[in-house]
Amino acid sequence: MITSRLTSKAQTTIPQPVRAALRLREGDEIAYAIEAGRVVLTRARPDKAADDPFRAFAEWDSTADTEAYAGL
């Protein structure tokens, strides 16, 4: 079993074997799920492309287009 210690600020370091198993890198998000009294830790997979209504239109991918449509 792999363990880590909780600090007074409720922080912990994710042990290297866990980071390696999840292929975690600096800046990655982590998801927690509570299941039957246990916490399941997974690498979050944010789907940023789903938020972009223009993702299928490469011709609308210029800086000018991004600025023009930023407020929509």
N, C-alpha and C. Protein backbone atom coordinates (compact mmCIF):
# COMPACT_ATOMS: atom_id res chain seq x y z
N MET A 1 0.84 -1.17 0.00
CA MET A 1 0.00 0.00 0.00
C MET A 1 0.90 1.24 0.00
N ILE A 2 0.55 2.22 -0.82
CA ILE A 2 1.29 3.47 -0.90
C ILE A 2 0.57 4.49 -0.01
N THR A 3 1.34 5.23 0.79
CA THR A 3 0.73 6.22 1.68
C THR A 3 1.40 7.57 1.51
N SER A 4 0.74 8.61 2.00
CA SER A 4 1.33 9.94 2.10
C SER A 4 0.73 10.61 3.32
N ARG A 5 1.38 11.65 3.79
CA ARG A 5 0.96 12.32 5.02
C ARG A 5 0.22 13.62 4.69
N LEU A 6 -0.80 13.93 5.46
CA LEU A 6 -1.57 15.15 5.32
C LEU A 6 -0.94 16.25 6.17
N THR A 7 -0.74 17.45 5.59
CA THR A 7 -0.16 18.55 6.34
C THR A 7 -1.24 19.27 7.14
N SER A 8 -0.82 20.25 7.94
CA SER A 8 -1.77 21.03 8.72
C SER A 8 -2.70 21.87 7.83
N LYS A 9 -2.30 22.08 6.58
CA LYS A 9 -3.13 22.82 5.63
C LYS A 9 -3.94 21.87 4.74
N ALA A 10 -4.06 20.63 5.15
CA ALA A 10 -4.82 19.60 4.41
C ALA A 10 -4.24 19.34 3.03
N GLN A 11 -2.92 19.45 2.90
CA GLN A 11 -2.24 19.18 1.64
C GLN A 11 -1.45 17.89 1.76
N THR A 12 -1.21 17.26 0.62
CA THR A 12 -0.40 16.06 0.58
C THR A 12 0.37 16.03 -0.73
N THR A 13 1.42 15.26 -0.78
CA THR A 13 2.15 15.02 -2.00
C THR A 13 1.68 13.70 -2.57
N ILE A 14 1.37 13.70 -3.85
CA ILE A 14 0.98 12.45 -4.49
C ILE A 14 2.27 11.66 -4.74
N PRO A 15 2.39 10.47 -4.18
CA PRO A 15 3.63 9.70 -4.30
C PRO A 15 3.98 9.42 -5.77
N GLN A 16 5.27 9.35 -6.05
CA GLN A 16 5.75 9.17 -7.42
C GLN A 16 5.15 7.94 -8.11
N PRO A 17 5.00 6.79 -7.46
CA PRO A 17 4.40 5.64 -8.16
C PRO A 17 2.96 5.91 -8.61
N VAL A 18 2.23 6.71 -7.85
CA VAL A 18 0.85 7.06 -8.23
C VAL A 18 0.88 8.04 -9.41
N ARG A 19 1.78 9.04 -9.33
CA ARG A 19 1.91 9.99 -10.45
C ARG A 19 2.29 9.27 -11.72
N ALA A 20 3.18 8.32 -11.62
CA ALA A 20 3.62 7.56 -12.80
C ALA A 20 2.47 6.70 -13.35
N ALA A 21 1.74 6.06 -12.47
CA ALA A 21 0.63 5.20 -12.91
C ALA A 21 -0.45 5.98 -13.63
N LEU A 22 -0.69 7.22 -13.17
CA LEU A 22 -1.72 8.06 -13.79
C LEU A 22 -1.16 8.97 -14.87
N ARG A 23 0.17 8.90 -15.07
CA ARG A 23 0.86 9.77 -16.04
C ARG A 23 0.58 11.25 -15.76
N LEU A 24 0.66 11.60 -14.49
CA LEU A 24 0.41 12.98 -14.07
C LEU A 24 1.64 13.84 -14.28
N ARG A 25 1.39 15.06 -14.73
CA ARG A 25 2.45 16.05 -14.90
C ARG A 25 2.02 17.35 -14.22
N GLU A 26 2.96 18.24 -14.05
CA GLU A 26 2.65 19.54 -13.44
C GLU A 26 1.52 20.21 -14.21
N GLY A 27 0.52 20.68 -13.47
CA GLY A 27 -0.61 21.38 -14.08
C GLY A 27 -1.79 20.48 -14.38
N ASP A 28 -1.63 19.16 -14.34
CA ASP A 28 -2.75 18.26 -14.58
C ASP A 28 -3.79 18.38 -13.48
N GLU A 29 -5.03 18.14 -13.84
CA GLU A 29 -6.11 18.14 -12.85
C GLU A 29 -6.37 16.71 -12.40
N ILE A 30 -6.80 16.58 -11.15
CA ILE A 30 -7.09 15.29 -10.55
C ILE A 30 -8.56 15.25 -10.18
N ALA A 31 -9.20 14.12 -10.43
CA ALA A 31 -10.61 13.94 -10.07
C ALA A 31 -10.70 12.95 -8.91
N TYR A 32 -11.62 13.22 -8.00
CA TYR A 32 -11.85 12.35 -6.85
C TYR A 32 -13.28 11.85 -6.90
N ALA A 33 -13.47 10.56 -6.66
CA ALA A 33 -14.81 9.98 -6.57
C ALA A 33 -14.88 9.19 -5.27
N ILE A 34 -15.94 9.41 -4.51
CA ILE A 34 -16.13 8.66 -3.27
C ILE A 34 -17.07 7.51 -3.58
N GLU A 35 -16.56 6.28 -3.40
CA GLU A 35 -17.32 5.07 -3.72
C GLU A 35 -17.20 4.08 -2.58
N ALA A 36 -18.31 3.78 -1.97
CA ALA A 36 -18.37 2.76 -0.90
C ALA A 36 -17.31 2.99 0.17
N GLY A 37 -17.20 4.23 0.64
CA GLY A 37 -16.29 4.53 1.73
C GLY A 37 -14.83 4.66 1.32
N ARG A 38 -14.55 4.64 0.01
CA ARG A 38 -13.19 4.80 -0.50
C ARG A 38 -13.15 5.97 -1.46
N VAL A 39 -11.99 6.53 -1.62
CA VAL A 39 -11.81 7.60 -2.59
C VAL A 39 -11.01 7.05 -3.76
N VAL A 40 -11.55 7.26 -4.95
CA VAL A 40 -10.87 6.83 -6.17
C VAL A 40 -10.28 8.07 -6.82
N LEU A 41 -8.98 8.05 -7.00
CA LEU A 41 -8.25 9.18 -7.56
C LEU A 41 -7.95 8.87 -9.03
N THR A 42 -8.34 9.78 -9.93
CA THR A 42 -8.07 9.59 -11.35
C THR A 42 -7.56 10.89 -11.95
N ARG A 43 -6.96 10.77 -13.08
CA ARG A 43 -6.53 11.96 -13.81
C ARG A 43 -7.74 12.53 -14.52
N ALA A 44 -8.04 13.79 -14.24
CA ALA A 44 -9.19 14.44 -14.88
C ALA A 44 -8.86 14.69 -16.33
N ARG A 45 -9.85 14.54 -17.17
CA ARG A 45 -9.67 14.77 -18.59
C ARG A 45 -10.60 15.89 -19.03
N PRO A 46 -10.16 17.12 -18.80
CA PRO A 46 -11.04 18.23 -19.19
C PRO A 46 -11.22 18.26 -20.70
N ASP A 47 -12.46 18.43 -21.12
CA ASP A 47 -12.78 18.46 -22.53
C ASP A 47 -12.99 19.90 -22.96
N LYS A 48 -11.88 20.61 -23.11
CA LYS A 48 -11.94 22.02 -23.48
C LYS A 48 -12.52 22.20 -24.87
N ALA A 49 -12.30 21.23 -25.76
CA ALA A 49 -12.81 21.36 -27.13
C ALA A 49 -14.33 21.38 -27.16
N ALA A 50 -14.97 20.74 -26.20
CA ALA A 50 -16.43 20.71 -26.18
C ALA A 50 -17.01 22.09 -25.91
N ASP A 51 -16.25 22.98 -25.29
CA ASP A 51 -16.71 24.33 -25.00
C ASP A 51 -16.56 25.27 -26.19
N ASP A 52 -15.89 24.83 -27.23
CA ASP A 52 -15.60 25.69 -28.38
C ASP A 52 -16.57 25.39 -29.52
N PRO A 53 -17.54 26.27 -29.77
CA PRO A 53 -18.50 26.01 -30.83
C PRO A 53 -17.88 26.04 -32.22
N PHE A 54 -16.69 26.57 -32.36
CA PHE A 54 -16.04 26.68 -33.66
C PHE A 54 -14.95 25.62 -33.87
N ARG A 55 -14.88 24.61 -33.03
CA ARG A 55 -13.79 23.64 -33.10
C ARG A 55 -13.72 22.90 -34.43
N ALA A 56 -14.83 22.78 -35.13
CA ALA A 56 -14.84 22.07 -36.40
C ALA A 56 -14.49 22.96 -37.58
N PHE A 57 -14.29 24.24 -37.33
CA PHE A 57 -14.05 25.19 -38.41
C PHE A 57 -12.63 25.75 -38.30
N ALA A 58 -11.67 25.06 -38.86
CA ALA A 58 -10.27 25.47 -38.76
C ALA A 58 -10.04 26.84 -39.40
N GLU A 59 -10.83 27.18 -40.41
CA GLU A 59 -10.64 28.47 -41.06
C GLU A 59 -11.02 29.64 -40.16
N TRP A 60 -11.71 29.37 -39.04
CA TRP A 60 -12.08 30.41 -38.09
C TRP A 60 -11.15 30.41 -36.88
N ASP A 61 -9.95 29.96 -37.08
CA ASP A 61 -9.03 29.78 -35.96
C ASP A 61 -7.93 30.84 -35.93
N SER A 62 -8.21 32.01 -36.42
CA SER A 62 -7.20 33.07 -36.40
C SER A 62 -7.33 33.88 -35.11
N THR A 63 -6.33 34.67 -34.81
CA THR A 63 -6.36 35.54 -33.65
C THR A 63 -7.50 36.55 -33.76
N ALA A 64 -7.70 37.08 -34.96
CA ALA A 64 -8.78 38.05 -35.17
C ALA A 64 -10.14 37.44 -34.90
N ASP A 65 -10.35 36.20 -35.35
CA ASP A 65 -11.63 35.53 -35.10
C ASP A 65 -11.82 35.26 -33.61
N THR A 66 -10.76 34.83 -32.94
CA THR A 66 -10.85 34.56 -31.50
C THR A 66 -11.24 35.82 -30.75
N GLU A 67 -10.64 36.94 -31.09
CA GLU A 67 -10.97 38.20 -30.43
C GLU A 67 -12.39 38.66 -30.78
N ALA A 68 -12.78 38.49 -32.02
CA ALA A 68 -14.12 38.93 -32.45
C ALA A 68 -15.23 38.16 -31.78
N TYR A 69 -15.02 36.87 -31.55
CA TYR A 69 -16.06 36.03 -30.97
C TYR A 69 -15.89 35.78 -29.47
N ALA A 70 -14.92 36.43 -28.84
CA ALA A 70 -14.61 36.19 -27.43
C ALA A 70 -15.78 36.48 -26.51
N GLY A 71 -16.60 37.46 -26.82
CA GLY A 71 -17.70 37.84 -25.93
C GLY A 71 -18.97 37.05 -26.12
N LEU A 72 -18.99 36.14 -27.07
CA LEU A 72 -20.22 35.38 -27.34
C LEU A 72 -20.40 34.22 -26.42
